Amino acid sequence: MATLRVSVVQYLNSVPLVWGMLHGEQQGKFDLEFTTPALCAEAIRQRKADVGIIPSIEYQRMDRTQVLSGLSIASKDEVKSVLLLSKVPIDKVQSVAVDNSSRTSAALLRVLMRKFYSHWVNPQPAAPKPA
């Protein structure tokens, strides 16, 4: 039987979902690859992974995918993981650099700008630059 290929988000918030595969009884039974959310989605799309932790927006964009119920990276309260920072007033913003590893954040930006500001911005994917 082939080893199940799992594409895992390389961020700390995904550790509870794969802890058993890393340190528990399931250790060594899966082929784990740690990467960004966007690349997890690409691995699923290209069938390089059998299971993956993917951005919620990517599930909407894919055919023949299935959600495993009861598993997610979520919060009941605000976490401030997505921030819109600008040097100009919001109505003057024309383009926004968005983290190319987080497609859900980019999609959310489009929705929020349209809904709350009646304003379209041009998202520009960019590599993150940690402070």
Protein backbone atom coordinates (compact mmCIF):
# COMPACT_ATOMS: atom_id res chain seq x y z
CA MET A 1 0.00 0.00 0.00
CA ALA A 2 1.35 3.43 -0.98
CA THR A 3 2.14 6.00 1.69
CA LEU A 4 -0.43 8.80 1.86
CA ARG A 5 1.10 12.11 0.73
CA VAL A 6 0.09 15.02 2.96
CA SER A 7 0.77 18.67 2.13
CA VAL A 8 0.96 20.63 5.39
CA VAL A 9 1.02 24.38 5.99
CA GLN A 10 4.42 25.21 7.47
CA TYR A 11 2.97 27.59 10.07
CA LEU A 12 2.60 26.95 13.78
CA ASN A 13 -1.20 27.00 13.66
CA SER A 14 -1.27 23.75 11.66
CA VAL A 15 0.78 21.74 14.17
CA PRO A 16 -2.26 20.50 16.17
CA LEU A 17 -3.65 18.94 12.99
CA VAL A 18 -0.50 16.91 12.30
CA TRP A 19 1.00 16.42 15.78
CA GLY A 20 0.23 12.70 15.80
CA MET A 21 1.88 12.29 12.40
CA LEU A 22 4.98 14.05 13.68
CA HIS A 23 5.32 12.67 17.21
CA GLY A 24 2.56 10.16 17.92
CA GLU A 25 1.57 6.68 16.88
CA GLN A 26 1.14 7.84 13.28
CA GLN A 27 4.78 8.96 13.01
CA GLY A 28 6.44 7.64 9.86
CA LYS A 29 3.19 6.43 8.31
CA PHE A 30 2.71 9.48 6.07
CA ASP A 31 4.82 11.37 3.57
CA LEU A 32 4.60 14.93 4.94
CA GLU A 33 5.63 18.00 2.96
CA PHE A 34 5.62 21.38 4.72
CA THR A 35 5.03 24.44 2.57
CA THR A 36 2.92 27.59 2.20
CA PRO A 37 -0.89 27.48 1.97
CA ALA A 38 -0.81 28.41 -1.72
CA LEU A 39 1.67 25.63 -2.51
CA CYS A 40 -0.39 23.13 -0.51
CA ALA A 41 -3.29 23.96 -2.83
CA GLU A 42 -1.07 23.53 -5.89
CA ALA A 43 0.08 20.13 -4.62
CA ILE A 44 -3.55 19.01 -4.35
CA ARG A 45 -4.48 20.51 -7.72
CA GLN A 46 -1.53 18.81 -9.45
CA ARG A 47 -2.12 15.55 -7.55
CA LYS A 48 1.31 15.69 -5.95
CA ALA A 49 -0.45 15.30 -2.58
CA ASP A 50 -3.39 13.12 -1.57
CA VAL A 51 -4.44 15.27 1.39
CA GLY A 52 -3.66 18.89 2.14
CA ILE A 53 -4.35 21.80 4.41
CA ILE A 54 -5.43 24.34 1.81
CA PRO A 55 -6.81 27.89 1.88
CA SER A 56 -10.60 28.00 2.07
CA ILE A 57 -10.81 29.99 -1.17
CA GLU A 58 -8.92 27.24 -3.01
CA TYR A 59 -11.51 24.63 -2.08
CA GLN A 60 -14.05 26.78 -3.95
CA ARG A 61 -11.79 26.86 -7.01
CA MET A 62 -11.11 23.13 -7.25
CA ASP A 63 -13.07 20.27 -8.74
CA ARG A 64 -13.26 16.87 -7.11
CA THR A 65 -12.09 17.89 -3.66
CA GLN A 66 -13.73 16.91 -0.42
CA VAL A 67 -13.64 18.64 2.96
CA LEU A 68 -12.76 16.45 5.93
CA SER A 69 -15.32 17.46 8.53
CA GLY A 70 -14.21 18.57 11.97
CA LEU A 71 -10.75 19.72 10.84
CA SER A 72 -9.78 23.34 10.25
CA ILE A 73 -7.54 26.18 11.23
CA ALA A 74 -10.06 28.65 12.63
CA SER A 75 -10.74 31.13 15.40
CA LYS A 76 -13.88 32.24 17.21
CA ASP A 77 -12.31 35.64 17.83
CA GLU A 78 -10.18 38.07 15.84
CA VAL A 79 -6.55 37.10 15.33
CA LYS A 80 -5.26 40.06 13.30
CA SER A 81 -3.31 37.83 10.95
CA VAL A 82 -4.42 39.92 7.98
CA LEU A 83 -3.85 43.67 8.10
CA LEU A 84 -4.30 46.36 5.47
CA LEU A 85 -1.70 49.08 5.96
CA SER A 86 -1.54 52.18 3.80
CA LYS A 87 0.38 55.45 3.58
CA VAL A 88 -2.54 57.08 1.72
CA PRO A 89 -6.28 57.35 2.50
CA ILE A 90 -8.17 54.16 1.70
CA ASP A 91 -10.12 55.79 -1.17
CA LYS A 92 -6.82 56.67 -2.89
CA VAL A 93 -5.43 53.13 -2.82
CA GLN A 94 -5.08 51.68 -6.32
CA SER A 95 -3.00 48.57 -5.78
CA VAL A 96 -2.14 46.46 -2.78
CA ALA A 97 0.76 44.06 -2.28
CA VAL A 98 -0.68 40.75 -1.07
CA ASP A 99 1.24 37.82 0.38
CA ASN A 100 1.54 35.33 -2.47
CA SER A 101 1.35 32.45 0.00
CA SER A 102 -2.15 33.39 1.22
CA ARG A 103 -4.79 33.34 -1.47
CA THR A 104 -7.72 33.56 0.93
CA SER A 105 -6.39 36.86 2.28
CA ALA A 106 -6.14 38.25 -1.25
CA ALA A 107 -9.71 37.17 -2.04
CA LEU A 108 -10.94 38.65 1.23
CA LEU A 109 -9.26 41.95 0.40
CA ARG A 110 -11.21 42.16 -2.86
CA VAL A 111 -14.52 41.43 -1.12
CA LEU A 112 -13.97 43.89 1.73
CA MET A 113 -12.81 46.73 -0.51
CA ARG A 114 -15.89 46.31 -2.72
CA LYS A 115 -18.36 45.91 0.14
CA PHE A 116 -17.17 48.57 2.56
CA TYR A 117 -15.41 51.06 0.32
CA SER A 118 -17.09 50.52 -3.08
CA HIS A 119 -13.58 50.56 -4.39
CA TRP A 120 -11.68 48.14 -6.59
CA VAL A 121 -7.99 47.60 -5.91
CA ASN A 122 -5.51 45.70 -7.98
CA PRO A 123 -3.92 43.01 -5.76
CA GLN A 124 -0.24 42.49 -6.59
CA PRO A 125 1.12 39.14 -5.36
CA ALA A 126 4.43 39.60 -3.55
CA ALA A 127 6.73 37.49 -1.43
CA PRO A 128 6.32 38.21 2.28
CA LYS A 129 8.98 40.34 3.93
CA PRO A 130 9.01 39.49 7.65
CA ALA A 131 10.10 42.32 9.91
